[in-house]
Amino acid sequence: MKKFVRTPWVQSALAWLVSAYLGATLATMRWRFEDRAGADAAVAGPGGAIACFWHGRIALAVVCRRVLKQKPRRVLISNSPDGELIAKIVERLSFPAIRGSSTMDNRANRRSIGAFRDAVKFLDAGGVVAITPDGPRGPAERMPEGPVMLARARQTPVFLFGLAASPTLTLRSWDKTRIPLPFTRGCVVFEGPLSAPRGAEPESIEATRADWQARLNAAQSRAEAILAA
């Protein structure tokens, strides 16, 4: 079944269906945006920015087009076969992909290094690079070093997005992907701008990684709490 789903024509058909569903569904939802002033300032400015959200909320993250407006944006998607389908979906939703690992740490392979360079070049041009730091295979909701290293390369500001919707369809995937339903409610909580340490000391990088993970989890929990209130 996986081999059939991964054939190009099937993936193209699925990408059309999923993108059409998400585009229409997100438009019917009532959205609340919290603490977005910093993100609005970054979007209005000429510089680049990094946006991080958990992989399980990627279907909800498309709504952030409303905040990014006409700001150039790309999303980092893995080179895996499943990543090919996701890349086709998000491109139809105005998020062209940079293909490579989202970890981008010291264990990165040659393709990931190429993706890192492409991301830096796009940030230099004033674009927004969106990253699901726990993708493509997890562990779920764990921040790797990659986003810290990317932000440090050019001292690029980082924004964390907590994304929630109620109710949702939750898939039985490793990341428990949330699929929004039409005419429901959604919330986005922004955290940032954050900055990466200038030094390369492992202790400093690890402390920043752990801090960003805790902050993203807190933003996620707050978005869910707002909808539960």
C-alpha atoms as a PDB file:
ATOM      1  CA  MET A   1       0.000   0.000   0.000  1.00  0.00           C
ATOM      2  CA  LYS A   2       2.819   2.405   0.871  1.00  0.00           C
ATOM      3  CA  LYS A   3       4.458   1.749  -2.510  1.00  0.00           C
ATOM      4  CA  PHE A   4       1.182   2.594  -4.264  1.00  0.00           C
ATOM      5  CA  VAL A   5       0.682   5.805  -2.245  1.00  0.00           C
ATOM      6  CA  ARG A   6       4.233   6.899  -3.031  1.00  0.00           C
ATOM      7  CA  THR A   7       3.796   6.718  -6.813  1.00  0.00           C
ATOM      8  CA  PRO A   8       4.032  10.233  -8.347  1.00  0.00           C
ATOM      9  CA  TRP A   9       0.521  10.398  -9.808  1.00  0.00           C
ATOM     10  CA  VAL A  10      -1.089   9.185  -6.573  1.00  0.00           C
ATOM     11  CA  GLN A  11       0.886  11.701  -4.549  1.00  0.00           C
ATOM     12  CA  SER A  12      -0.118  14.504  -6.908  1.00  0.00           C
ATOM     13  CA  ALA A  13      -3.788  13.545  -6.590  1.00  0.00           C
ATOM     14  CA  LEU A  14      -3.559  13.294  -2.803  1.00  0.00           C
ATOM     15  CA  ALA A  15      -1.748  16.634  -2.625  1.00  0.00           C
ATOM     16  CA  TRP A  16      -4.570  18.289  -4.557  1.00  0.00           C
ATOM     17  CA  LEU A  17      -7.252  16.744  -2.344  1.00  0.00           C
ATOM     18  CA  VAL A  18      -5.525  17.456   0.977  1.00  0.00           C
ATOM     19  CA  SER A  19      -4.540  21.017   0.067  1.00  0.00           C
ATOM     20  CA  ALA A  20      -8.058  21.785  -1.144  1.00  0.00           C
ATOM     21  CA  TYR A  21      -9.526  20.407   2.085  1.00  0.00           C
ATOM     22  CA  LEU A  22      -7.108  22.301   4.333  1.00  0.00           C
ATOM     23  CA  GLY A  23      -7.480  25.566   2.449  1.00  0.00           C
ATOM     24  CA  ALA A  24     -11.273  25.433   2.626  1.00  0.00           C
ATOM     25  CA  THR A  25     -11.408  24.177   6.224  1.00  0.00           C
ATOM     26  CA  LEU A  26      -8.993  26.740   7.672  1.00  0.00           C
ATOM     27  CA  ALA A  27     -10.996  29.511   5.990  1.00  0.00           C
ATOM     28  CA  THR A  28     -14.182  28.421   7.779  1.00  0.00           C
ATOM     29  CA  MET A  29     -12.585  28.360  11.236  1.00  0.00           C
ATOM     30  CA  ARG A  30     -12.605  31.122  13.855  1.00  0.00           C
ATOM     31  CA  TRP A  31      -8.985  31.879  14.688  1.00  0.00           C
ATOM     32  CA  ARG A  32      -7.444  33.646  17.652  1.00  0.00           C
ATOM     33  CA  PHE A  33      -3.845  34.947  17.510  1.00  0.00           C
ATOM     34  CA  GLU A  34      -2.017  35.639  20.776  1.00  0.00           C
ATOM     35  CA  ASP A  35       1.196  37.650  21.340  1.00  0.00           C
ATOM     36  CA  ARG A  36       1.795  38.237  17.634  1.00  0.00           C
ATOM     37  CA  ALA A  37       3.300  41.759  17.876  1.00  0.00           C
ATOM     38  CA  GLY A  38       6.866  40.490  17.567  1.00  0.00           C
ATOM     39  CA  ALA A  39       5.995  38.351  14.558  1.00  0.00           C
ATOM     40  CA  ASP A  40       4.174  41.255  12.908  1.00  0.00           C
ATOM     41  CA  ALA A  41       7.251  43.452  13.351  1.00  0.00           C
ATOM     42  CA  ALA A  42       9.488  40.793  11.806  1.00  0.00           C
ATOM     43  CA  VAL A  43       7.150  40.351   8.847  1.00  0.00           C
ATOM     44  CA  ALA A  44       7.094  44.110   8.262  1.00  0.00           C
ATOM     45  CA  GLY A  45      10.898  44.322   8.342  1.00  0.00           C
ATOM     46  CA  PRO A  46      13.401  43.408   5.624  1.00  0.00           C
ATOM     47  CA  GLY A  47      15.216  40.680   7.543  1.00  0.00           C
ATOM     48  CA  GLY A  48      14.715  36.951   7.622  1.00  0.00           C
ATOM     49  CA  ALA A  49      13.135  34.904  10.411  1.00  0.00           C
ATOM     50  CA  ILE A  50      12.783  31.297  11.530  1.00  0.00           C
ATOM     51  CA  ALA A  51       9.430  29.820  12.563  1.00  0.00           C
ATOM     52  CA  CYS A  52       9.231  26.563  14.544  1.00  0.00           C
ATOM     53  CA  PHE A  53       6.186  24.429  15.358  1.00  0.00           C
ATOM     54  CA  TRP A  54       5.730  20.758  16.161  1.00  0.00           C
ATOM     55  CA  HIS A  55       5.328  18.299  13.296  1.00  0.00           C
ATOM     56  CA  GLY A  56       1.932  17.124  14.536  1.00  0.00           C
ATOM     57  CA  ARG A  57       0.506  20.627  13.958  1.00  0.00           C
ATOM     58  CA  ILE A  58       1.700  21.087  10.389  1.00  0.00           C
ATOM     59  CA  ALA A  59      -1.874  20.982   9.046  1.00  0.00           C
ATOM     60  CA  LEU A  60      -2.814  23.861  11.351  1.00  0.00           C
ATOM     61  CA  ALA A  61       0.292  25.927  10.616  1.00  0.00           C
ATOM     62  CA  VAL A  62      -0.970  26.858   7.154  1.00  0.00           C
ATOM     63  CA  VAL A  63      -3.199  29.463   8.813  1.00  0.00           C
ATOM     64  CA  CYS A  64      -0.067  31.484   9.566  1.00  0.00           C
ATOM     65  CA  ARG A  65      -0.241  32.721   5.972  1.00  0.00           C
ATOM     66  CA  ARG A  66      -2.495  35.397   7.467  1.00  0.00           C
ATOM     67  CA  VAL A  67       0.371  36.634   9.629  1.00  0.00           C
ATOM     68  CA  LEU A  68       3.171  36.206   7.099  1.00  0.00           C
ATOM     69  CA  LYS A  69       1.142  38.007   4.402  1.00  0.00           C
ATOM     70  CA  GLN A  70       3.390  38.588   1.360  1.00  0.00           C
ATOM     71  CA  LYS A  71       6.624  37.785   3.186  1.00  0.00           C
ATOM     72  CA  PRO A  72       8.615  35.181   1.201  1.00  0.00           C
ATOM     73  CA  ARG A  73       8.460  31.834   3.017  1.00  0.00           C
ATOM     74  CA  ARG A  74       9.682  28.307   2.610  1.00  0.00           C
ATOM     75  CA  VAL A  75       9.340  25.217   4.768  1.00  0.00           C
ATOM     76  CA  LEU A  76      12.020  22.634   5.478  1.00  0.00           C
ATOM     77  CA  ILE A  77      10.762  19.169   4.482  1.00  0.00           C
ATOM     78  CA  SER A  78      12.709  15.908   4.711  1.00  0.00           C
ATOM     79  CA  ASN A  79      13.911  13.964   1.676  1.00  0.00           C
ATOM     80  CA  SER A  80      11.919  10.905   2.753  1.00  0.00           C
ATOM     81  CA  PRO A  81       9.193   9.434   0.485  1.00  0.00           C
ATOM     82  CA  ASP A  82       6.535  10.710   2.894  1.00  0.00           C
ATOM     83  CA  GLY A  83       8.236  14.105   2.805  1.00  0.00           C
ATOM     84  CA  GLU A  84       7.638  14.224  -0.955  1.00  0.00           C
ATOM     85  CA  LEU A  85       3.879  14.128  -0.405  1.00  0.00           C
ATOM     86  CA  ILE A  86       4.032  16.765   2.324  1.00  0.00           C
ATOM     87  CA  ALA A  87       6.192  18.975   0.097  1.00  0.00           C
ATOM     88  CA  LYS A  88       3.608  18.788  -2.692  1.00  0.00           C
ATOM     89  CA  ILE A  89       0.783  19.622  -0.284  1.00  0.00           C
ATOM     90  CA  VAL A  90       2.445  22.634   1.344  1.00  0.00           C
ATOM     91  CA  GLU A  91       3.614  23.998  -1.999  1.00  0.00           C
ATOM     92  CA  ARG A  92      -0.004  24.098  -3.161  1.00  0.00           C
ATOM     93  CA  LEU A  93      -0.716  26.057   0.040  1.00  0.00           C
ATOM     94  CA  SER A  94       1.913  28.727  -0.724  1.00  0.00           C
ATOM     95  CA  PHE A  95       4.788  27.208   1.257  1.00  0.00           C
ATOM     96  CA  PRO A  96       7.479  26.040  -1.206  1.00  0.00           C
ATOM     97  CA  ALA A  97       9.808  23.447   0.268  1.00  0.00           C
ATOM     98  CA  ILE A  98      13.504  23.249   0.997  1.00  0.00           C
ATOM     99  CA  ARG A  99      14.270  19.531   0.961  1.00  0.00           C
ATOM    100  CA  GLY A 100      16.494  18.172   3.726  1.00  0.00           C
ATOM    101  CA  SER A 101      16.582  17.012   7.326  1.00  0.00           C
ATOM    102  CA  SER A 102      15.111  19.317   9.933  1.00  0.00           C
ATOM    103  CA  THR A 103      17.719  18.247  12.493  1.00  0.00           C
ATOM    104  CA  MET A 104      20.649  19.924  10.750  1.00  0.00           C
ATOM    105  CA  ASP A 105      22.989  18.997  13.596  1.00  0.00           C
ATOM    106  CA  ASN A 106      26.499  17.556  13.658  1.00  0.00           C
ATOM    107  CA  ARG A 107      25.186  14.198  12.417  1.00  0.00           C
ATOM    108  CA  ALA A 108      23.670  15.751   9.286  1.00  0.00           C
ATOM    109  CA  ASN A 109      24.311  14.090   5.949  1.00  0.00           C
ATOM    110  CA  ARG A 110      25.311  15.804   2.717  1.00  0.00           C
ATOM    111  CA  ARG A 111      21.727  16.561   1.712  1.00  0.00           C
ATOM    112  CA  SER A 112      21.043  18.151   5.089  1.00  0.00           C
ATOM    113  CA  ILE A 113      24.120  20.340   4.735  1.00  0.00           C
ATOM    114  CA  GLY A 114      22.813  21.462   1.352  1.00  0.00           C
ATOM    115  CA  ALA A 115      19.418  22.231   2.880  1.00  0.00           C
ATOM    116  CA  PHE A 116      21.145  24.200   5.649  1.00  0.00           C
ATOM    117  CA  ARG A 117      22.949  26.323   3.059  1.00  0.00           C
ATOM    118  CA  ASP A 118      19.752  26.877   1.065  1.00  0.00           C
ATOM    119  CA  ALA A 119      17.966  27.941   4.249  1.00  0.00           C
ATOM    120  CA  VAL A 120      20.734  30.399   5.175  1.00  0.00           C
ATOM    121  CA  LYS A 121      20.666  31.897   1.673  1.00  0.00           C
ATOM    122  CA  PHE A 122      16.886  32.310   1.841  1.00  0.00           C
ATOM    123  CA  LEU A 123      17.119  33.944   5.283  1.00  0.00           C
ATOM    124  CA  ASP A 124      19.774  36.322   3.953  1.00  0.00           C
ATOM    125  CA  ALA A 125      17.286  37.357   1.260  1.00  0.00           C
ATOM    126  CA  GLY A 126      14.721  38.278   3.934  1.00  0.00           C
ATOM    127  CA  GLY A 127      12.552  35.176   3.856  1.00  0.00           C
ATOM    128  CA  VAL A 128      10.909  33.125   6.594  1.00  0.00           C
ATOM    129  CA  VAL A 129      12.031  29.506   6.977  1.00  0.00           C
ATOM    130  CA  ALA A 130       9.465  27.297   8.711  1.00  0.00           C
ATOM    131  CA  ILE A 131      10.759  24.217  10.538  1.00  0.00           C
ATOM    132  CA  THR A 132       9.089  21.277  12.250  1.00  0.00           C
ATOM    133  CA  PRO A 133      12.068  20.525  14.525  1.00  0.00           C
ATOM    134  CA  ASP A 134      10.853  17.094  15.631  1.00  0.00           C
ATOM    135  CA  GLY A 135      10.331  15.858  12.076  1.00  0.00           C
ATOM    136  CA  PRO A 136      10.430  13.699  10.106  1.00  0.00           C
ATOM    137  CA  ARG A 137      10.476  10.774  12.549  1.00  0.00           C
ATOM    138  CA  GLY A 138      10.658  12.207  16.063  1.00  0.00           C
ATOM    139  CA  PRO A 139      10.955  11.865  18.943  1.00  0.00           C
ATOM    140  CA  ALA A 140       7.759  13.881  19.037  1.00  0.00           C
ATOM    141  CA  GLU A 141       7.987  17.360  20.519  1.00  0.00           C
ATOM    142  CA  ARG A 142      11.720  17.239  21.087  1.00  0.00           C
ATOM    143  CA  MET A 143      13.840  20.135  19.847  1.00  0.00           C
ATOM    144  CA  PRO A 144      17.158  19.148  18.209  1.00  0.00           C
ATOM    145  CA  GLU A 145      20.189  21.395  17.836  1.00  0.00           C
ATOM    146  CA  GLY A 146      19.442  22.184  14.195  1.00  0.00           C
ATOM    147  CA  PRO A 147      17.226  25.266  14.631  1.00  0.00           C
ATOM    148  CA  VAL A 148      19.730  26.728  17.114  1.00  0.00           C
ATOM    149  CA  MET A 149      22.589  26.208  14.662  1.00  0.00           C
ATOM    150  CA  LEU A 150      20.597  27.764  11.806  1.00  0.00           C
ATOM    151  CA  ALA A 151      19.629  30.793  13.887  1.00  0.00           C
ATOM    152  CA  ARG A 152      23.206  31.218  15.078  1.00  0.00           C
ATOM    153  CA  ALA A 153      24.594  31.265  11.520  1.00  0.00           C
ATOM    154  CA  ARG A 154      23.224  34.762  10.867  1.00  0.00           C
ATOM    155  CA  GLN A 155      21.817  35.707  14.275  1.00  0.00           C
ATOM    156  CA  THR A 156      18.334  35.291  12.802  1.00  0.00           C
ATOM    157  CA  PRO A 157      15.347  35.859  15.121  1.00  0.00           C
ATOM    158  CA  VAL A 158      13.319  32.764  15.959  1.00  0.00           C
ATOM    159  CA  PHE A 159       9.574  32.560  16.599  1.00  0.00           C
ATOM    160  CA  LEU A 160       7.827  29.565  18.141  1.00  0.00           C
ATOM    161  CA  PHE A 161       4.214  28.804  17.182  1.00  0.00           C
ATOM    162  CA  GLY A 162       1.857  26.966  19.516  1.00  0.00           C
ATOM    163  CA  LEU A 163      -1.022  25.726  17.340  1.00  0.00           C
ATOM    164  CA  ALA A 164      -4.303  24.230  18.458  1.00  0.00           C
ATOM    165  CA  ALA A 165      -7.794  23.583  17.126  1.00  0.00           C
ATOM    166  CA  SER A 166     -10.921  22.200  18.743  1.00  0.00           C
ATOM    167  CA  PRO A 167     -12.155  19.702  17.892  1.00  0.00           C
ATOM    168  CA  THR A 168      -9.718  17.903  15.596  1.00  0.00           C
ATOM    169  CA  LEU A 169      -9.225  14.521  14.013  1.00  0.00           C
ATOM    170  CA  THR A 170      -6.082  12.966  15.543  1.00  0.00           C
ATOM    171  CA  LEU A 171      -4.230  10.469  13.380  1.00  0.00           C
ATOM    172  CA  ARG A 172      -2.521   7.342  14.718  1.00  0.00           C
ATOM    173  CA  SER A 173       0.874   8.540  13.585  1.00  0.00           C
ATOM    174  CA  TRP A 174       4.077   8.944  15.605  1.00  0.00           C
ATOM    175  CA  ASP A 175       3.382  12.679  15.957  1.00  0.00           C
ATOM    176  CA  LYS A 176      -0.402  12.349  16.477  1.00  0.00           C
ATOM    177  CA  THR A 177      -1.103  14.710  13.589  1.00  0.00           C
ATOM    178  CA  ARG A 178      -4.092  16.991  14.182  1.00  0.00           C
ATOM    179  CA  ILE A 179      -6.422  17.507  11.241  1.00  0.00           C
ATOM    180  CA  PRO A 180      -8.780  20.487  11.629  1.00  0.00           C
ATOM    181  CA  LEU A 181     -12.500  20.153  11.037  1.00  0.00           C
ATOM    182  CA  PRO A 182     -14.654  22.750   9.275  1.00  0.00           C
ATOM    183  CA  PHE A 183     -16.387  25.517  11.249  1.00  0.00           C
ATOM    184  CA  THR A 184     -14.416  24.899  14.449  1.00  0.00           C
ATOM    185  CA  ARG A 185     -12.076  27.108  16.514  1.00  0.00           C
ATOM    186  CA  GLY A 186      -8.331  27.562  16.308  1.00  0.00           C
ATOM    187  CA  CYS A 187      -5.636  29.374  18.258  1.00  0.00           C
ATOM    188  CA  VAL A 188      -2.032  30.370  17.560  1.00  0.00           C
ATOM    189  CA  VAL A 189       0.252  31.473  20.401  1.00  0.00           C
ATOM    190  CA  PHE A 190       3.497  33.162  19.358  1.00  0.00           C
ATOM    191  CA  GLU A 191       6.712  33.118  21.385  1.00  0.00           C
ATOM    192  CA  GLY A 192       9.592  35.337  20.312  1.00  0.00           C
ATOM    193  CA  PRO A 193      11.683  36.783  18.955  1.00  0.00           C
ATOM    194  CA  LEU A 194      14.348  34.518  20.434  1.00  0.00           C
ATOM    195  CA  SER A 195      18.046  34.590  19.663  1.00  0.00           C
ATOM    196  CA  ALA A 196      20.733  31.918  19.492  1.00  0.00           C
ATOM    197  CA  PRO A 197      24.057  32.155  21.376  1.00  0.00           C
ATOM    198  CA  ARG A 198      26.946  33.594  19.383  1.00  0.00           C
ATOM    199  CA  GLY A 199      29.470  31.134  20.800  1.00  0.00           C
ATOM    200  CA  ALA A 200      29.884  27.508  19.757  1.00  0.00           C
ATOM    201  CA  GLU A 201      30.213  26.035  23.238  1.00  0.00           C
ATOM    202  CA  PRO A 202      28.212  22.786  23.453  1.00  0.00           C
ATOM    203  CA  GLU A 203      26.821  23.766  26.857  1.00  0.00           C
ATOM    204  CA  SER A 204      25.421  27.035  25.500  1.00  0.00           C
ATOM    205  CA  ILE A 205      23.848  25.358  22.481  1.00  0.00           C
ATOM    206  CA  GLU A 206      22.288  22.630  24.625  1.00  0.00           C
ATOM    207  CA  ALA A 207      20.895  25.169  27.090  1.00  0.00           C
ATOM    208  CA  THR A 208      19.305  27.124  24.227  1.00  0.00           C
ATOM    209  CA  ARG A 209      17.896  23.949  22.664  1.00  0.00           C
ATOM    210  CA  ALA A 210      16.311  22.909  25.965  1.00  0.00           C
ATOM    211  CA  ASP A 211      14.949  26.419  26.568  1.00  0.00           C
ATOM    212  CA  TRP A 212      13.327  26.586  23.123  1.00  0.00           C
ATOM    213  CA  GLN A 213      11.802  23.147  23.594  1.00  0.00           C
ATOM    214  CA  ALA A 214      10.278  24.193  26.909  1.00  0.00           C
ATOM    215  CA  ARG A 215       9.017  27.468  25.441  1.00  0.00           C
ATOM    216  CA  LEU A 216       7.432  25.771  22.427  1.00  0.00           C
ATOM    217  CA  ASN A 217       5.720  23.232  24.673  1.00  0.00           C
ATOM    218  CA  ALA A 218       4.472  26.077  26.861  1.00  0.00           C
ATOM    219  CA  ALA A 219       3.103  27.956  23.831  1.00  0.00           C
ATOM    220  CA  GLN A 220       1.434  24.759  22.647  1.00  0.00           C
ATOM    221  CA  SER A 221      -0.126  24.140  26.054  1.00  0.00           C
ATOM    222  CA  ARG A 222      -1.366  27.719  26.255  1.00  0.00           C
ATOM    223  CA  ALA A 223      -3.017  27.522  22.830  1.00  0.00           C
ATOM    224  CA  GLU A 224      -4.824  24.369  23.897  1.00  0.00           C
ATOM    225  CA  ALA A 225      -5.827  25.902  27.249  1.00  0.00           C
ATOM    226  CA  ILE A 226      -7.303  28.967  25.533  1.00  0.00           C
ATOM    227  CA  LEU A 227      -9.571  26.789  23.422  1.00  0.00           C
ATOM    228  CA  ALA A 228     -10.527  24.666  26.440  1.00  0.00           C
ATOM    229  CA  ALA A 229     -11.583  27.704  28.495  1.00  0.00           C
END
